[in-house]
Amino acid sequence: MSTSTIAKKVLLTIFSLFILSSVNFALAADTNTHARAAEQLLDVLSLRTNLEHSIAQALNIQIKENPDLAKHKVDIEKFYAKYMGFDALKDEMVRMYMDAFTEQELKEIIRFYQTSTGKKIVNVVPKLMNEGIALGQRQVQAHIGELQQIVGKQK
């Protein structure tokens, strides 16, 4: 094989590697901006605060239903923070939002949530969800006898 043929192959290989690395760099840049958009949406949605609040409420409900848990409240809070806290879930949540929405869609959603109506939704929907849960619990409690009869028939 001549020197010029070897030089051409080396140059072709270098050029191919350059093209491939440029494509990979562009894809990585797209992924990074997509991930940043997903992270920004989590911030705009006040997900850290809302998640912490939901976990605290869930623990309080568990303690109300089982008062013996109260003596373990601090340890349970640490456990929940470790495995269910925002920092523990953030990377997976970013991936979920990236899978569900394009970067452009995330940016549009962010723009909406930055409006006064979007901000109101962030503040009001968690309260409405809690009220809805309480409503469901009241309905079940009001008709618990019927449920007990249904369950009793299946024994």
C-alpha atoms as a PDB file:
ATOM      1  CA  MET A   1       0.000   0.000   0.000  1.00  0.00           C
ATOM      2  CA  SER A   2       1.435   3.359  -1.005  1.00  0.00           C
ATOM      3  CA  THR A   3       2.095   6.198   1.415  1.00  0.00           C
ATOM      4  CA  SER A   4      -0.523   8.368  -0.262  1.00  0.00           C
ATOM      5  CA  THR A   5      -3.170   5.625   0.102  1.00  0.00           C
ATOM      6  CA  ILE A   6      -2.350   5.222   3.796  1.00  0.00           C
ATOM      7  CA  ALA A   7      -2.449   9.003   4.256  1.00  0.00           C
ATOM      8  CA  LYS A   8      -5.842   9.163   2.539  1.00  0.00           C
ATOM      9  CA  LYS A   9      -7.210   6.384   4.778  1.00  0.00           C
ATOM     10  CA  VAL A  10      -5.871   8.103   7.899  1.00  0.00           C
ATOM     11  CA  LEU A  11      -7.386  11.407   6.817  1.00  0.00           C
ATOM     12  CA  LEU A  12     -10.690   9.714   6.002  1.00  0.00           C
ATOM     13  CA  THR A  13     -10.694   8.009   9.404  1.00  0.00           C
ATOM     14  CA  ILE A  14      -9.897  11.286  11.188  1.00  0.00           C
ATOM     15  CA  PHE A  15     -12.581  13.094   9.211  1.00  0.00           C
ATOM     16  CA  SER A  16     -15.131  10.329  10.004  1.00  0.00           C
ATOM     17  CA  LEU A  17     -14.261  10.481  13.694  1.00  0.00           C
ATOM     18  CA  PHE A  18     -14.592  14.261  13.617  1.00  0.00           C
ATOM     19  CA  ILE A  19     -18.039  14.032  12.018  1.00  0.00           C
ATOM     20  CA  LEU A  20     -19.187  11.355  14.477  1.00  0.00           C
ATOM     21  CA  SER A  21     -17.911  13.297  17.474  1.00  0.00           C
ATOM     22  CA  SER A  22     -19.616  16.446  16.197  1.00  0.00           C
ATOM     23  CA  VAL A  23     -22.917  14.581  15.882  1.00  0.00           C
ATOM     24  CA  ASN A  24     -22.488  13.100  19.377  1.00  0.00           C
ATOM     25  CA  PHE A  25     -21.633  16.540  20.763  1.00  0.00           C
ATOM     26  CA  ALA A  26     -24.730  18.029  19.143  1.00  0.00           C
ATOM     27  CA  LEU A  27     -26.907  15.221  20.505  1.00  0.00           C
ATOM     28  CA  ALA A  28     -25.395  15.668  23.967  1.00  0.00           C
ATOM     29  CA  ALA A  29     -26.028  19.417  23.776  1.00  0.00           C
ATOM     30  CA  ASP A  30     -29.660  18.770  22.769  1.00  0.00           C
ATOM     31  CA  THR A  31     -30.038  16.299  25.642  1.00  0.00           C
ATOM     32  CA  ASN A  32     -28.501  18.791  28.069  1.00  0.00           C
ATOM     33  CA  THR A  33     -30.829  21.619  27.046  1.00  0.00           C
ATOM     34  CA  HIS A  34     -33.783  19.227  27.125  1.00  0.00           C
ATOM     35  CA  ALA A  35     -32.802  18.132  30.652  1.00  0.00           C
ATOM     36  CA  ARG A  36     -32.351  21.747  31.736  1.00  0.00           C
ATOM     37  CA  ALA A  37     -35.841  22.537  30.447  1.00  0.00           C
ATOM     38  CA  ALA A  38     -37.268  19.600  32.413  1.00  0.00           C
ATOM     39  CA  GLU A  39     -35.414  20.758  35.550  1.00  0.00           C
ATOM     40  CA  GLN A  40     -36.705  24.282  35.046  1.00  0.00           C
ATOM     41  CA  LEU A  41     -40.263  22.976  34.832  1.00  0.00           C
ATOM     42  CA  LEU A  42     -39.792  21.096  38.108  1.00  0.00           C
ATOM     43  CA  ASP A  43     -38.616  24.372  39.653  1.00  0.00           C
ATOM     44  CA  VAL A  44     -41.485  26.401  38.183  1.00  0.00           C
ATOM     45  CA  LEU A  45     -43.921  23.805  39.531  1.00  0.00           C
ATOM     46  CA  SER A  46     -42.353  24.187  43.008  1.00  0.00           C
ATOM     47  CA  LEU A  47     -42.016  20.430  42.984  1.00  0.00           C
ATOM     48  CA  ARG A  48     -39.434  20.343  45.791  1.00  0.00           C
ATOM     49  CA  THR A  49     -41.723  22.261  48.155  1.00  0.00           C
ATOM     50  CA  ASN A  50     -44.889  20.446  47.064  1.00  0.00           C
ATOM     51  CA  LEU A  51     -43.228  17.041  47.404  1.00  0.00           C
ATOM     52  CA  GLU A  52     -41.911  17.853  50.879  1.00  0.00           C
ATOM     53  CA  HIS A  53     -45.373  19.078  51.888  1.00  0.00           C
ATOM     54  CA  SER A  54     -47.068  15.953  50.497  1.00  0.00           C
ATOM     55  CA  ILE A  55     -44.635  13.657  52.284  1.00  0.00           C
ATOM     56  CA  ALA A  56     -45.199  15.501  55.568  1.00  0.00           C
ATOM     57  CA  GLN A  57     -48.974  15.256  55.119  1.00  0.00           C
ATOM     58  CA  ALA A  58     -48.781  11.551  54.278  1.00  0.00           C
ATOM     59  CA  LEU A  59     -46.699  10.906  57.395  1.00  0.00           C
ATOM     60  CA  ASN A  60     -49.133  12.875  59.561  1.00  0.00           C
ATOM     61  CA  ILE A  61     -52.013  10.805  58.174  1.00  0.00           C
ATOM     62  CA  GLN A  62     -50.099   7.591  58.878  1.00  0.00           C
ATOM     63  CA  ILE A  63     -49.429   8.729  62.447  1.00  0.00           C
ATOM     64  CA  LYS A  64     -53.068   9.703  62.897  1.00  0.00           C
ATOM     65  CA  GLU A  65     -54.120   6.223  61.746  1.00  0.00           C
ATOM     66  CA  ASN A  66     -51.375   4.495  63.748  1.00  0.00           C
ATOM     67  CA  PRO A  67     -50.336   6.663  66.741  1.00  0.00           C
ATOM     68  CA  ASP A  68     -47.521   4.246  67.652  1.00  0.00           C
ATOM     69  CA  LEU A  69     -45.604   5.613  64.660  1.00  0.00           C
ATOM     70  CA  ALA A  70     -45.296   9.010  66.365  1.00  0.00           C
ATOM     71  CA  LYS A  71     -42.282   7.846  68.388  1.00  0.00           C
ATOM     72  CA  HIS A  72     -40.513   7.048  65.101  1.00  0.00           C
ATOM     73  CA  LYS A  73     -41.527  10.229  63.277  1.00  0.00           C
ATOM     74  CA  VAL A  74     -37.996  11.678  63.002  1.00  0.00           C
ATOM     75  CA  ASP A  75     -36.563   8.415  61.671  1.00  0.00           C
ATOM     76  CA  ILE A  76     -39.431   7.989  59.206  1.00  0.00           C
ATOM     77  CA  GLU A  77     -38.916  11.577  57.996  1.00  0.00           C
ATOM     78  CA  LYS A  78     -35.233  10.802  57.398  1.00  0.00           C
ATOM     79  CA  PHE A  79     -36.178   7.621  55.538  1.00  0.00           C
ATOM     80  CA  TYR A  80     -38.686   9.456  53.366  1.00  0.00           C
ATOM     81  CA  ALA A  81     -36.201  12.247  52.651  1.00  0.00           C
ATOM     82  CA  LYS A  82     -33.584   9.678  51.675  1.00  0.00           C
ATOM     83  CA  TYR A  83     -35.773   7.671  49.298  1.00  0.00           C
ATOM     84  CA  MET A  84     -38.742   9.871  48.403  1.00  0.00           C
ATOM     85  CA  GLY A  85     -37.325  13.365  48.744  1.00  0.00           C
ATOM     86  CA  PHE A  86     -36.821  15.655  45.780  1.00  0.00           C
ATOM     87  CA  ASP A  87     -33.069  15.044  45.620  1.00  0.00           C
ATOM     88  CA  ALA A  88     -33.633  11.281  45.530  1.00  0.00           C
ATOM     89  CA  LEU A  89     -36.236  11.506  42.762  1.00  0.00           C
ATOM     90  CA  LYS A  90     -35.073  14.491  40.717  1.00  0.00           C
ATOM     91  CA  ASP A  91     -32.979  12.701  38.081  1.00  0.00           C
ATOM     92  CA  GLU A  92     -35.677  10.133  37.384  1.00  0.00           C
ATOM     93  CA  MET A  93     -38.372  12.817  37.305  1.00  0.00           C
ATOM     94  CA  VAL A  94     -36.326  14.832  34.804  1.00  0.00           C
ATOM     95  CA  ARG A  95     -36.061  11.704  32.642  1.00  0.00           C
ATOM     96  CA  MET A  96     -39.829  11.116  32.930  1.00  0.00           C
ATOM     97  CA  TYR A  97     -40.606  14.669  31.808  1.00  0.00           C
ATOM     98  CA  MET A  98     -38.061  14.389  28.987  1.00  0.00           C
ATOM     99  CA  ASP A  99     -39.729  11.177  27.823  1.00  0.00           C
ATOM    100  CA  ALA A 100     -43.189  12.715  28.009  1.00  0.00           C
ATOM    101  CA  PHE A 101     -42.466  16.129  26.461  1.00  0.00           C
ATOM    102  CA  THR A 102     -40.176  17.523  23.807  1.00  0.00           C
ATOM    103  CA  GLU A 103     -37.860  20.341  24.805  1.00  0.00           C
ATOM    104  CA  GLN A 104     -40.099  22.795  22.944  1.00  0.00           C
ATOM    105  CA  GLU A 105     -43.197  21.523  24.744  1.00  0.00           C
ATOM    106  CA  LEU A 106     -41.431  21.875  28.101  1.00  0.00           C
ATOM    107  CA  LYS A 107     -40.540  25.470  27.255  1.00  0.00           C
ATOM    108  CA  GLU A 108     -44.166  26.199  26.334  1.00  0.00           C
ATOM    109  CA  ILE A 109     -45.401  24.618  29.563  1.00  0.00           C
ATOM    110  CA  ILE A 110     -42.861  26.658  31.538  1.00  0.00           C
ATOM    111  CA  ARG A 111     -44.053  29.857  29.855  1.00  0.00           C
ATOM    112  CA  PHE A 112     -47.626  29.037  30.852  1.00  0.00           C
ATOM    113  CA  TYR A 113     -46.720  28.289  34.469  1.00  0.00           C
ATOM    114  CA  GLN A 114     -44.878  31.602  34.655  1.00  0.00           C
ATOM    115  CA  THR A 115     -48.141  33.459  33.925  1.00  0.00           C
ATOM    116  CA  SER A 116     -50.407  34.541  36.774  1.00  0.00           C
ATOM    117  CA  THR A 117     -52.880  31.759  35.894  1.00  0.00           C
ATOM    118  CA  GLY A 118     -50.099  29.177  35.799  1.00  0.00           C
ATOM    119  CA  LYS A 119     -48.790  30.345  39.176  1.00  0.00           C
ATOM    120  CA  LYS A 120     -52.306  30.117  40.574  1.00  0.00           C
ATOM    121  CA  ILE A 121     -52.618  26.530  39.342  1.00  0.00           C
ATOM    122  CA  VAL A 122     -49.347  25.615  41.081  1.00  0.00           C
ATOM    123  CA  ASN A 123     -50.712  27.012  44.346  1.00  0.00           C
ATOM    124  CA  VAL A 124     -54.343  25.908  44.106  1.00  0.00           C
ATOM    125  CA  VAL A 125     -54.237  22.417  42.553  1.00  0.00           C
ATOM    126  CA  PRO A 126     -52.455  20.729  45.497  1.00  0.00           C
ATOM    127  CA  LYS A 127     -55.117  22.155  47.838  1.00  0.00           C
ATOM    128  CA  LEU A 128     -57.890  20.967  45.496  1.00  0.00           C
ATOM    129  CA  MET A 129     -56.311  17.523  45.349  1.00  0.00           C
ATOM    130  CA  ASN A 130     -56.223  17.349  49.157  1.00  0.00           C
ATOM    131  CA  GLU A 131     -59.860  18.456  49.291  1.00  0.00           C
ATOM    132  CA  GLY A 132     -60.708  15.795  46.709  1.00  0.00           C
ATOM    133  CA  ILE A 133     -58.962  13.115  48.760  1.00  0.00           C
ATOM    134  CA  ALA A 134     -60.807  14.272  51.883  1.00  0.00           C
ATOM    135  CA  LEU A 135     -64.097  14.226  49.952  1.00  0.00           C
ATOM    136  CA  GLY A 136     -63.443  10.657  48.823  1.00  0.00           C
ATOM    137  CA  GLN A 137     -62.585   9.615  52.368  1.00  0.00           C
ATOM    138  CA  ARG A 138     -65.796  11.218  53.697  1.00  0.00           C
ATOM    139  CA  GLN A 139     -67.853   9.444  51.045  1.00  0.00           C
ATOM    140  CA  VAL A 140     -66.320   6.070  51.873  1.00  0.00           C
ATOM    141  CA  GLN A 141     -66.733   6.702  55.600  1.00  0.00           C
ATOM    142  CA  ALA A 142     -70.385   7.699  55.132  1.00  0.00           C
ATOM    143  CA  HIS A 143     -71.046   4.380  53.383  1.00  0.00           C
ATOM    144  CA  ILE A 144     -68.581   2.155  55.228  1.00  0.00           C
ATOM    145  CA  GLY A 145     -71.380  -0.188  56.341  1.00  0.00           C
ATOM    146  CA  GLU A 146     -72.204  -1.015  52.742  1.00  0.00           C
ATOM    147  CA  LEU A 147     -68.534  -1.694  52.000  1.00  0.00           C
ATOM    148  CA  GLN A 148     -68.274  -3.928  55.054  1.00  0.00           C
ATOM    149  CA  GLN A 149     -71.317  -5.880  53.844  1.00  0.00           C
ATOM    150  CA  ILE A 150     -69.744  -6.337  50.416  1.00  0.00           C
ATOM    151  CA  VAL A 151     -66.485  -7.508  51.914  1.00  0.00           C
ATOM    152  CA  GLY A 152     -68.339  -9.698  54.419  1.00  0.00           C
ATOM    153  CA  LYS A 153     -70.189 -11.491  51.612  1.00  0.00           C
ATOM    154  CA  GLN A 154     -66.923 -12.507  50.015  1.00  0.00           C
ATOM    155  CA  LYS A 155     -65.611 -14.437  53.021  1.00  0.00           C
END
